[in-house]
Amino acid sequence: MNADERTTLEGWLDFHRATLAMKCEGLDDEQAAAASVPPSGVTLTGLVQHMAEVERNWFRRVFAGEQAPPIYDPQADPSGPDGGFDLAAGTALSDALDTWRAEIARAREHCAAHALTDTGRFMEQDVNLRWIYVHMIEEYARHNGHADLVRERIDGTTGV
């Protein structure tokens, strides 16, 4: 609780990443693909896929400037909103988690040698790593709230 800025930002981001993984623990593919409550189609597997797309977008496309295509919707516009919520038939939670973890590993690689003030390009303007970290913490916090509700609906599990 008295760490430097970078350690604090990375710590909170890792906390939220771990929270999403925890929300998926112990579920089979069918449970993880169960939608929350109509009309919402949000699923835990869909949230994991979405966060893989978000990690890819902000750390690889925006910050590192890579031409990384979408993972789950190859027809999607890479400059458009991050997808991943829709599930293909037979989608396995373990595959989504593996893909998501690989994107996290790439994100860490891209950020390791950079200062918080280093920038990438987003919508024709510079965006620094500090802003990306804060945005990612917010993105995970919002979706972890969704994951909380979906998991509780599946089997009653609640908590961090």
Protein backbone atom coordinates (compact mmCIF):
# COMPACT_ATOMS: atom_id res chain seq x y z
CA MET A 1 0.00 0.00 0.00
CA ASN A 2 3.07 2.23 -0.18
CA ALA A 3 4.53 1.11 -3.50
CA ASP A 4 5.69 3.34 -6.31
CA GLU A 5 3.24 4.27 -9.06
CA ARG A 6 4.20 1.56 -11.55
CA THR A 7 4.14 -1.22 -8.96
CA THR A 8 0.74 0.02 -7.78
CA LEU A 9 -0.73 0.11 -11.29
CA GLU A 10 0.67 -3.27 -12.27
CA GLY A 11 -0.40 -4.73 -8.92
CA TRP A 12 -4.01 -3.64 -9.36
CA LEU A 13 -4.07 -4.85 -12.95
CA ASP A 14 -2.72 -8.25 -11.88
CA PHE A 15 -5.25 -8.38 -9.03
CA HIS A 16 -8.11 -7.91 -11.49
CA ARG A 17 -6.64 -10.43 -13.92
CA ALA A 18 -6.42 -12.98 -11.08
CA THR A 19 -9.98 -12.17 -10.05
CA LEU A 20 -11.33 -13.02 -13.51
CA ALA A 21 -9.41 -16.31 -13.49
CA MET A 22 -10.77 -17.13 -10.05
CA LYS A 23 -14.34 -16.53 -11.23
CA CYS A 24 -13.81 -19.31 -13.77
CA GLU A 25 -12.23 -21.88 -11.43
CA GLY A 26 -13.99 -25.19 -11.10
CA LEU A 27 -16.43 -24.68 -13.97
CA ASP A 28 -16.89 -27.00 -16.91
CA ASP A 29 -17.35 -25.72 -20.47
CA GLU A 30 -21.14 -25.86 -20.28
CA GLN A 31 -21.29 -23.84 -17.06
CA ALA A 32 -18.79 -21.28 -18.35
CA ALA A 33 -20.86 -20.90 -21.54
CA ALA A 34 -24.11 -20.34 -19.62
CA ALA A 35 -25.57 -16.88 -20.19
CA SER A 36 -26.35 -14.78 -17.17
CA VAL A 37 -29.98 -13.72 -17.42
CA PRO A 38 -31.98 -12.89 -20.55
CA PRO A 39 -31.76 -10.66 -22.43
CA SER A 40 -28.04 -10.59 -21.62
CA GLY A 41 -25.90 -13.15 -23.37
CA VAL A 42 -22.84 -12.51 -21.18
CA THR A 43 -20.94 -15.69 -20.26
CA LEU A 44 -17.74 -16.28 -18.33
CA THR A 45 -16.06 -17.76 -21.40
CA GLY A 46 -17.19 -14.73 -23.39
CA LEU A 47 -15.75 -12.39 -20.76
CA VAL A 48 -12.41 -14.21 -20.89
CA GLN A 49 -12.38 -14.05 -24.70
CA HIS A 50 -13.30 -10.36 -24.58
CA MET A 51 -10.50 -9.57 -22.15
CA ALA A 52 -8.03 -11.42 -24.41
CA GLU A 53 -9.15 -9.09 -27.21
CA VAL A 54 -8.85 -6.05 -24.92
CA GLU A 55 -5.34 -7.04 -23.80
CA ARG A 56 -4.38 -7.53 -27.45
CA ASN A 57 -5.86 -4.22 -28.52
CA TRP A 58 -4.36 -1.95 -25.87
CA PHE A 59 -0.96 -3.52 -25.37
CA ARG A 60 -0.18 -4.93 -28.82
CA ARG A 61 -2.06 -2.74 -31.29
CA VAL A 62 -2.17 0.58 -29.49
CA PHE A 63 0.96 0.57 -27.33
CA ALA A 64 3.33 -1.60 -29.38
CA GLY A 65 1.91 -0.65 -32.78
CA GLU A 66 1.52 -4.27 -33.93
CA GLN A 67 -0.84 -5.25 -36.71
CA ALA A 68 -2.42 -8.00 -34.57
CA PRO A 69 -5.69 -9.27 -36.07
CA PRO A 70 -8.74 -9.97 -33.91
CA ILE A 71 -8.62 -13.33 -32.17
CA TYR A 72 -12.27 -14.33 -32.15
CA ASP A 73 -13.82 -12.42 -35.02
CA PRO A 74 -11.48 -12.27 -38.00
CA GLN A 75 -14.05 -10.19 -39.94
CA ALA A 76 -14.03 -7.48 -37.25
CA ASP A 77 -12.36 -4.15 -37.85
CA PRO A 78 -9.18 -4.07 -35.68
CA SER A 79 -9.76 -0.36 -35.04
CA GLY A 80 -13.33 -1.00 -33.86
CA PRO A 81 -14.65 -2.11 -30.47
CA ASP A 82 -13.11 -5.20 -28.90
CA GLY A 83 -15.25 -8.28 -29.39
CA GLY A 84 -14.95 -11.81 -28.13
CA PHE A 85 -18.26 -12.02 -26.30
CA ASP A 86 -19.83 -14.39 -28.84
CA LEU A 87 -19.00 -18.07 -28.46
CA ALA A 88 -18.43 -20.47 -31.31
CA ALA A 89 -19.97 -23.92 -30.98
CA GLY A 90 -17.80 -26.17 -28.83
CA THR A 91 -15.80 -23.33 -27.31
CA ALA A 92 -13.71 -24.61 -24.40
CA LEU A 93 -13.10 -22.43 -21.36
CA SER A 94 -9.57 -23.84 -21.08
CA ASP A 95 -8.77 -22.68 -24.63
CA ALA A 96 -10.11 -19.19 -23.91
CA LEU A 97 -8.07 -19.03 -20.70
CA ASP A 98 -4.91 -20.17 -22.52
CA THR A 99 -5.38 -17.51 -25.20
CA TRP A 100 -6.08 -14.83 -22.59
CA ARG A 101 -3.01 -15.79 -20.55
CA ALA A 102 -0.87 -15.67 -23.70
CA GLU A 103 -2.10 -12.14 -24.39
CA ILE A 104 -1.27 -11.14 -20.80
CA ALA A 105 2.24 -12.54 -21.22
CA ARG A 106 2.69 -10.54 -24.44
CA ALA A 107 1.39 -7.42 -22.69
CA ARG A 108 3.93 -7.82 -19.91
CA GLU A 109 6.72 -8.27 -22.47
CA HIS A 110 5.70 -5.10 -24.31
CA CYS A 111 5.54 -3.03 -21.13
CA ALA A 112 8.60 -4.29 -19.25
CA ALA A 113 11.15 -2.00 -20.88
CA HIS A 114 8.94 1.08 -21.12
CA ALA A 115 8.31 4.04 -18.87
CA LEU A 116 4.78 5.03 -17.87
CA THR A 117 5.20 8.12 -20.03
CA ASP A 118 6.02 6.15 -23.21
CA THR A 119 3.22 6.35 -25.74
CA GLY A 120 1.34 4.46 -28.40
CA ARG A 121 -1.26 5.75 -30.85
CA PHE A 122 -5.01 5.57 -30.38
CA MET A 123 -7.52 7.33 -32.60
CA GLU A 124 -4.94 9.68 -34.08
CA GLN A 125 -3.50 10.75 -30.72
CA ASP A 126 -0.78 9.69 -28.31
CA VAL A 127 -1.79 7.64 -25.28
CA ASN A 128 0.74 6.82 -22.57
CA LEU A 129 1.26 3.54 -20.76
CA ARG A 130 0.01 5.06 -17.50
CA TRP A 131 -3.37 5.82 -19.11
CA ILE A 132 -3.52 2.33 -20.63
CA TYR A 133 -2.88 0.72 -17.24
CA VAL A 134 -5.62 2.81 -15.62
CA HIS A 135 -8.02 2.03 -18.46
CA MET A 136 -7.27 -1.70 -18.20
CA ILE A 137 -7.89 -1.66 -14.43
CA GLU A 138 -11.25 0.01 -15.09
CA GLU A 139 -12.08 -2.46 -17.87
CA TYR A 140 -11.33 -5.46 -15.67
CA ALA A 141 -13.16 -3.98 -12.67
CA ARG A 142 -16.31 -3.48 -14.74
CA HIS A 143 -16.21 -6.93 -16.28
CA ASN A 144 -15.30 -8.60 -12.99
CA GLY A 145 -18.56 -7.18 -11.66
CA HIS A 146 -20.31 -8.95 -14.53
CA ALA A 147 -18.32 -12.12 -13.78
CA ASP A 148 -19.43 -11.95 -10.14
CA LEU A 149 -23.07 -11.94 -11.14
CA VAL A 150 -22.70 -14.64 -13.80
CA ARG A 151 -20.82 -16.95 -11.40
CA GLU A 152 -23.36 -16.42 -8.64
CA ARG A 153 -26.12 -17.32 -11.08
CA ILE A 154 -24.30 -20.52 -12.11
CA ASP A 155 -23.60 -22.04 -8.70
CA GLY A 156 -24.05 -19.43 -5.97
CA THR A 157 -20.32 -18.71 -5.59
CA THR A 158 -19.67 -15.13 -4.50
CA GLY A 159 -16.75 -13.04 -3.28
CA VAL A 160 -13.38 -11.98 -4.58
